[in-house]
């Protein structure tokens, strides 16, 4: 098993430093759900299809992330509380290069 360390600040402002597996094809939204950092039914509502923005987060670190897809960009253009550093957690696949990634979950909208 190959894990990286990432930091996720939940919607209540509590920072969690945790291990995220790079060998399970998980995305950031799935990591949040597996660690139960948001109440059930409030994150990943669409199942990770970039159709609801319930997994929106703010990227706080300078970690290199994949380019934003057209679907992700379109969803964020309609979402609430969007910032310049907003991304959808379901569209960020966890990989070894993301060691040290820091994000904050956007408010529930």
N, C-alpha and C. Protein backbone atom coordinates (compact mmCIF):
# COMPACT_ATOMS: atom_id res chain seq x y z
N UNK A 1 0.84 -1.19 0.00
CA UNK A 1 0.00 0.00 0.00
C UNK A 1 0.88 1.24 0.00
N UNK A 2 0.53 2.21 -0.80
CA UNK A 2 1.29 3.44 -0.91
C UNK A 2 0.40 4.62 -0.56
N UNK A 3 0.70 5.26 0.56
CA UNK A 3 -0.11 6.39 1.02
C UNK A 3 0.67 7.69 0.91
N UNK A 4 -0.08 8.78 0.76
CA UNK A 4 0.49 10.11 0.86
C UNK A 4 -0.18 10.80 2.04
N UNK A 5 0.45 11.84 2.53
CA UNK A 5 -0.13 12.61 3.62
C UNK A 5 -0.75 13.86 3.05
N UNK A 6 -2.04 14.08 3.37
CA UNK A 6 -2.74 15.27 2.94
C UNK A 6 -3.42 15.90 4.15
N UNK A 7 -3.77 17.17 4.01
CA UNK A 7 -4.44 17.89 5.10
C UNK A 7 -5.78 18.41 4.58
N UNK A 8 -6.85 18.06 5.27
CA UNK A 8 -8.19 18.49 4.88
C UNK A 8 -8.81 19.23 6.07
N UNK A 9 -9.23 20.48 5.83
CA UNK A 9 -9.94 21.23 6.85
C UNK A 9 -11.42 21.07 6.58
N UNK A 10 -12.14 20.56 7.58
CA UNK A 10 -13.57 20.29 7.39
C UNK A 10 -14.39 21.58 7.46
N UNK A 11 -15.69 21.45 7.32
CA UNK A 11 -16.57 22.61 7.26
C UNK A 11 -16.72 23.31 8.61
N UNK A 12 -16.21 22.72 9.65
CA UNK A 12 -16.24 23.36 10.97
C UNK A 12 -14.90 23.98 11.32
N UNK A 13 -13.97 23.95 10.37
CA UNK A 13 -12.66 24.58 10.56
C UNK A 13 -11.63 23.71 11.24
N UNK A 14 -11.92 22.44 11.41
CA UNK A 14 -10.98 21.51 12.05
C UNK A 14 -10.08 20.89 10.98
N UNK A 15 -8.77 21.02 11.18
CA UNK A 15 -7.80 20.47 10.22
C UNK A 15 -7.49 19.02 10.57
N UNK A 16 -7.50 18.17 9.56
CA UNK A 16 -7.22 16.75 9.71
C UNK A 16 -6.04 16.39 8.82
N UNK A 17 -4.96 15.89 9.40
CA UNK A 17 -3.84 15.38 8.62
C UNK A 17 -4.03 13.88 8.54
N UNK A 18 -4.08 13.35 7.31
CA UNK A 18 -4.40 11.94 7.17
C UNK A 18 -3.67 11.29 6.00
N UNK A 19 -3.74 9.99 6.00
CA UNK A 19 -3.12 9.19 4.95
C UNK A 19 -4.15 8.92 3.87
N UNK A 20 -3.76 9.17 2.63
CA UNK A 20 -4.64 8.91 1.49
C UNK A 20 -3.95 7.89 0.58
N UNK A 21 -4.62 6.78 0.29
CA UNK A 21 -4.00 5.74 -0.55
C UNK A 21 -3.89 6.17 -2.01
N UNK A 22 -2.75 5.86 -2.60
CA UNK A 22 -2.54 6.19 -4.02
C UNK A 22 -2.76 4.98 -4.91
N UNK A 23 -3.01 3.83 -4.30
CA UNK A 23 -3.12 2.59 -5.08
C UNK A 23 -4.55 2.04 -5.12
N UNK A 24 -5.54 2.88 -4.81
CA UNK A 24 -6.92 2.40 -4.79
C UNK A 24 -7.83 3.17 -5.75
N UNK A 25 -7.24 4.00 -6.62
CA UNK A 25 -8.00 4.79 -7.60
C UNK A 25 -9.07 5.65 -6.94
N UNK A 26 -8.74 6.20 -5.76
CA UNK A 26 -9.69 7.05 -5.05
C UNK A 26 -9.52 8.51 -5.48
N UNK A 27 -10.61 9.25 -5.38
CA UNK A 27 -10.52 10.69 -5.58
C UNK A 27 -10.64 11.37 -4.22
N UNK A 28 -10.43 12.67 -4.20
CA UNK A 28 -10.44 13.42 -2.94
C UNK A 28 -11.78 13.33 -2.23
N UNK A 29 -12.87 13.40 -2.98
CA UNK A 29 -14.21 13.28 -2.39
C UNK A 29 -14.37 11.95 -1.67
N UNK A 30 -13.88 10.88 -2.25
CA UNK A 30 -13.97 9.56 -1.63
C UNK A 30 -13.13 9.47 -0.36
N UNK A 31 -12.00 10.15 -0.35
CA UNK A 31 -11.17 10.20 0.86
C UNK A 31 -11.94 10.92 1.97
N UNK A 32 -12.55 12.05 1.64
CA UNK A 32 -13.35 12.80 2.63
C UNK A 32 -14.45 11.91 3.19
N UNK A 33 -15.12 11.19 2.32
CA UNK A 33 -16.21 10.31 2.77
C UNK A 33 -15.68 9.16 3.61
N UNK A 34 -14.56 8.57 3.22
CA UNK A 34 -14.04 7.42 3.97
C UNK A 34 -13.59 7.81 5.38
N UNK A 35 -13.14 9.03 5.56
CA UNK A 35 -12.75 9.52 6.88
C UNK A 35 -13.91 10.21 7.61
N UNK A 36 -15.08 10.22 6.98
CA UNK A 36 -16.29 10.82 7.55
C UNK A 36 -16.05 12.25 8.02
N UNK A 37 -15.46 13.07 7.13
CA UNK A 37 -15.17 14.46 7.44
C UNK A 37 -16.33 15.40 7.13
N UNK A 38 -17.41 14.86 6.59
CA UNK A 38 -18.63 15.62 6.32
C UNK A 38 -19.80 14.69 6.61
N UNK A 39 -20.90 15.23 7.11
CA UNK A 39 -22.06 14.37 7.40
C UNK A 39 -22.53 13.61 6.16
N UNK A 40 -22.99 12.39 6.39
CA UNK A 40 -23.51 11.54 5.32
C UNK A 40 -24.57 12.30 4.51
N UNK A 41 -24.48 12.23 3.21
CA UNK A 41 -25.46 12.86 2.35
C UNK A 41 -25.18 14.33 2.04
N UNK A 42 -24.03 14.85 2.51
CA UNK A 42 -23.72 16.26 2.24
C UNK A 42 -22.52 16.43 1.33
N UNK A 43 -21.88 15.34 0.97
CA UNK A 43 -20.73 15.44 0.06
C UNK A 43 -20.78 14.27 -0.92
N UNK A 44 -20.53 14.58 -2.18
CA UNK A 44 -20.58 13.55 -3.21
C UNK A 44 -22.00 13.10 -3.52
N UNK A 45 -22.94 14.02 -3.46
CA UNK A 45 -24.35 13.72 -3.66
C UNK A 45 -24.59 13.08 -5.02
N UNK A 46 -23.89 13.53 -6.05
CA UNK A 46 -24.10 13.00 -7.41
C UNK A 46 -23.29 11.74 -7.67
N UNK A 47 -22.52 11.30 -6.68
CA UNK A 47 -21.73 10.08 -6.85
C UNK A 47 -20.41 10.31 -7.55
N UNK A 48 -19.98 11.54 -7.64
CA UNK A 48 -18.68 11.82 -8.25
C UNK A 48 -18.72 12.08 -9.74
N UNK A 49 -19.85 12.56 -10.23
CA UNK A 49 -20.02 12.79 -11.66
C UNK A 49 -19.84 14.26 -12.07
N UNK A 50 -19.35 15.11 -11.17
CA UNK A 50 -19.17 16.55 -11.43
C UNK A 50 -20.49 17.22 -11.79
N UNK A 51 -21.56 16.81 -11.10
CA UNK A 51 -22.88 17.33 -11.41
C UNK A 51 -23.57 18.03 -10.24
N UNK A 52 -22.89 18.19 -9.08
CA UNK A 52 -23.61 18.79 -7.95
C UNK A 52 -22.79 19.80 -7.15
N UNK A 53 -21.50 19.76 -7.21
CA UNK A 53 -20.60 20.66 -6.47
C UNK A 53 -20.65 20.50 -4.96
N UNK A 54 -21.26 19.41 -4.46
CA UNK A 54 -21.29 19.21 -3.01
C UNK A 54 -19.91 18.86 -2.45
N UNK A 55 -18.97 18.50 -3.32
CA UNK A 55 -17.61 18.17 -2.88
C UNK A 55 -16.62 19.30 -3.17
N UNK A 56 -17.16 20.50 -3.44
CA UNK A 56 -16.27 21.63 -3.73
C UNK A 56 -15.31 21.87 -2.57
N UNK A 57 -14.07 22.14 -2.91
CA UNK A 57 -13.07 22.45 -1.90
C UNK A 57 -12.17 23.56 -2.42
N UNK A 58 -11.46 24.16 -1.48
CA UNK A 58 -10.50 25.21 -1.82
C UNK A 58 -9.11 24.64 -1.66
N UNK A 59 -8.30 24.70 -2.70
CA UNK A 59 -6.94 24.18 -2.66
C UNK A 59 -6.05 25.25 -2.02
N UNK A 60 -5.46 24.91 -0.88
CA UNK A 60 -4.65 25.85 -0.11
C UNK A 60 -3.16 25.73 -0.38
N UNK A 61 -2.73 24.58 -0.86
CA UNK A 61 -1.30 24.35 -1.12
C UNK A 61 -0.99 24.63 -2.58
N UNK A 62 0.29 24.63 -2.89
CA UNK A 62 0.75 24.85 -4.27
C UNK A 62 0.91 23.53 -5.02
N UNK A 63 0.27 22.48 -4.53
CA UNK A 63 0.36 21.15 -5.12
C UNK A 63 -0.12 21.16 -6.57
N UNK A 64 0.66 20.53 -7.43
CA UNK A 64 0.30 20.42 -8.84
C UNK A 64 -0.89 19.47 -8.99
N UNK A 65 -1.97 19.96 -9.57
CA UNK A 65 -3.17 19.15 -9.77
C UNK A 65 -3.45 19.03 -11.27
N UNK A 66 -4.23 18.01 -11.65
CA UNK A 66 -4.58 17.88 -13.06
C UNK A 66 -5.41 19.07 -13.53
N UNK A 67 -5.37 19.33 -14.82
CA UNK A 67 -6.16 20.40 -15.41
C UNK A 67 -7.64 20.18 -15.10
N UNK A 68 -8.37 21.27 -14.99
CA UNK A 68 -9.80 21.20 -14.75
C UNK A 68 -10.50 20.81 -16.06
N UNK A 69 -11.39 19.83 -15.97
CA UNK A 69 -12.14 19.41 -17.16
C UNK A 69 -13.24 20.43 -17.47
N UNK A 70 -13.79 20.35 -18.68
CA UNK A 70 -14.88 21.23 -19.06
C UNK A 70 -16.09 21.02 -18.15
N UNK A 71 -16.37 19.76 -17.78
CA UNK A 71 -17.50 19.46 -16.90
C UNK A 71 -17.31 20.09 -15.52
N UNK A 72 -16.10 19.98 -14.99
CA UNK A 72 -15.81 20.57 -13.68
C UNK A 72 -15.94 22.10 -13.72
N UNK A 73 -15.38 22.68 -14.76
CA UNK A 73 -15.45 24.13 -14.91
C UNK A 73 -16.90 24.61 -15.04
N UNK A 74 -17.71 23.87 -15.80
CA UNK A 74 -19.12 24.23 -15.97
C UNK A 74 -19.88 24.12 -14.66
N UNK A 75 -19.62 23.08 -13.88
CA UNK A 75 -20.31 22.91 -12.61
C UNK A 75 -19.93 24.02 -11.64
N UNK A 76 -18.65 24.35 -11.58
CA UNK A 76 -18.21 25.41 -10.67
C UNK A 76 -18.76 26.78 -11.08
N UNK A 77 -19.03 26.96 -12.37
CA UNK A 77 -19.59 28.24 -12.81
C UNK A 77 -21.01 28.45 -12.30
N UNK A 78 -21.66 27.37 -11.87
CA UNK A 78 -23.02 27.45 -11.35
C UNK A 78 -23.10 27.27 -9.84
N UNK A 79 -21.99 26.96 -9.21
CA UNK A 79 -21.98 26.65 -7.77
C UNK A 79 -21.93 27.91 -6.91
N UNK A 80 -22.21 27.74 -5.64
CA UNK A 80 -22.13 28.82 -4.65
C UNK A 80 -20.76 28.82 -3.99
N UNK A 81 -20.37 29.95 -3.44
CA UNK A 81 -19.13 30.09 -2.65
C UNK A 81 -17.88 29.72 -3.44
N UNK A 82 -17.89 29.92 -4.75
CA UNK A 82 -16.74 29.58 -5.59
C UNK A 82 -15.66 30.64 -5.44
N UNK A 83 -14.41 30.18 -5.34
CA UNK A 83 -13.25 31.06 -5.27
C UNK A 83 -12.29 30.69 -6.40
N UNK A 84 -11.24 31.49 -6.56
CA UNK A 84 -10.25 31.21 -7.60
C UNK A 84 -9.58 29.85 -7.42
N UNK A 85 -9.51 29.36 -6.18
CA UNK A 85 -8.83 28.10 -5.90
C UNK A 85 -9.82 26.94 -5.70
N UNK A 86 -11.06 27.11 -6.15
CA UNK A 86 -12.08 26.06 -6.02
C UNK A 86 -11.82 24.92 -6.99
N UNK A 87 -12.05 23.72 -6.50
CA UNK A 87 -12.03 22.51 -7.32
C UNK A 87 -13.10 21.57 -6.79
N UNK A 88 -13.50 20.61 -7.62
CA UNK A 88 -14.40 19.56 -7.17
C UNK A 88 -13.56 18.37 -6.73
N UNK A 89 -13.76 17.95 -5.50
CA UNK A 89 -12.98 16.84 -4.95
C UNK A 89 -13.13 15.56 -5.75
N UNK A 90 -14.30 15.36 -6.36
CA UNK A 90 -14.52 14.13 -7.13
C UNK A 90 -13.69 14.09 -8.40
N UNK A 91 -13.13 15.22 -8.80
CA UNK A 91 -12.35 15.28 -10.04
C UNK A 91 -10.84 15.28 -9.78
N UNK A 92 -10.45 15.11 -8.52
CA UNK A 92 -9.03 15.09 -8.16
C UNK A 92 -8.66 13.68 -7.74
N UNK A 93 -8.07 12.93 -8.67
CA UNK A 93 -7.63 11.56 -8.39
C UNK A 93 -6.37 11.62 -7.53
N UNK A 94 -6.35 10.85 -6.46
CA UNK A 94 -5.20 10.82 -5.55
C UNK A 94 -4.05 10.09 -6.23
N UNK A 95 -2.88 10.74 -6.27
CA UNK A 95 -1.69 10.10 -6.83
C UNK A 95 -0.46 10.52 -6.00
N UNK A 96 0.66 9.82 -6.16
CA UNK A 96 1.83 10.09 -5.32
C UNK A 96 2.35 11.53 -5.40
N UNK A 97 2.15 12.21 -6.52
CA UNK A 97 2.64 13.57 -6.68
C UNK A 97 1.88 14.58 -5.81
N UNK A 98 0.79 14.15 -5.20
CA UNK A 98 -0.03 15.05 -4.39
C UNK A 98 0.37 15.06 -2.91
N UNK A 99 1.50 14.48 -2.60
CA UNK A 99 2.00 14.51 -1.22
C UNK A 99 1.98 15.95 -0.71
N UNK A 100 1.37 16.15 0.47
CA UNK A 100 1.33 17.48 1.07
C UNK A 100 0.15 18.34 0.63
N UNK A 101 -0.76 17.80 -0.17
CA UNK A 101 -1.93 18.55 -0.62
C UNK A 101 -2.70 19.06 0.60
N UNK A 102 -3.11 20.33 0.54
CA UNK A 102 -3.94 20.92 1.60
C UNK A 102 -5.17 21.54 0.98
N UNK A 103 -6.34 21.14 1.49
CA UNK A 103 -7.61 21.68 1.00
C UNK A 103 -8.52 22.01 2.17
N UNK A 104 -9.49 22.86 1.89
CA UNK A 104 -10.54 23.17 2.85
C UNK A 104 -11.87 22.90 2.17
N UNK A 105 -12.77 22.21 2.83
CA UNK A 105 -14.08 21.94 2.26
C UNK A 105 -14.88 23.23 2.19
N UNK A 106 -15.54 23.46 1.07
CA UNK A 106 -16.38 24.64 0.90
C UNK A 106 -17.63 24.47 1.78
N UNK A 107 -18.26 25.58 2.15
CA UNK A 107 -19.49 25.47 2.95
C UNK A 107 -20.55 24.66 2.22
N UNK A 108 -21.38 23.98 2.99
CA UNK A 108 -22.50 23.24 2.40
C UNK A 108 -23.50 24.25 1.85
N UNK A 109 -23.93 24.04 0.60
CA UNK A 109 -24.87 25.01 0.01
C UNK A 109 -26.16 24.36 -0.38
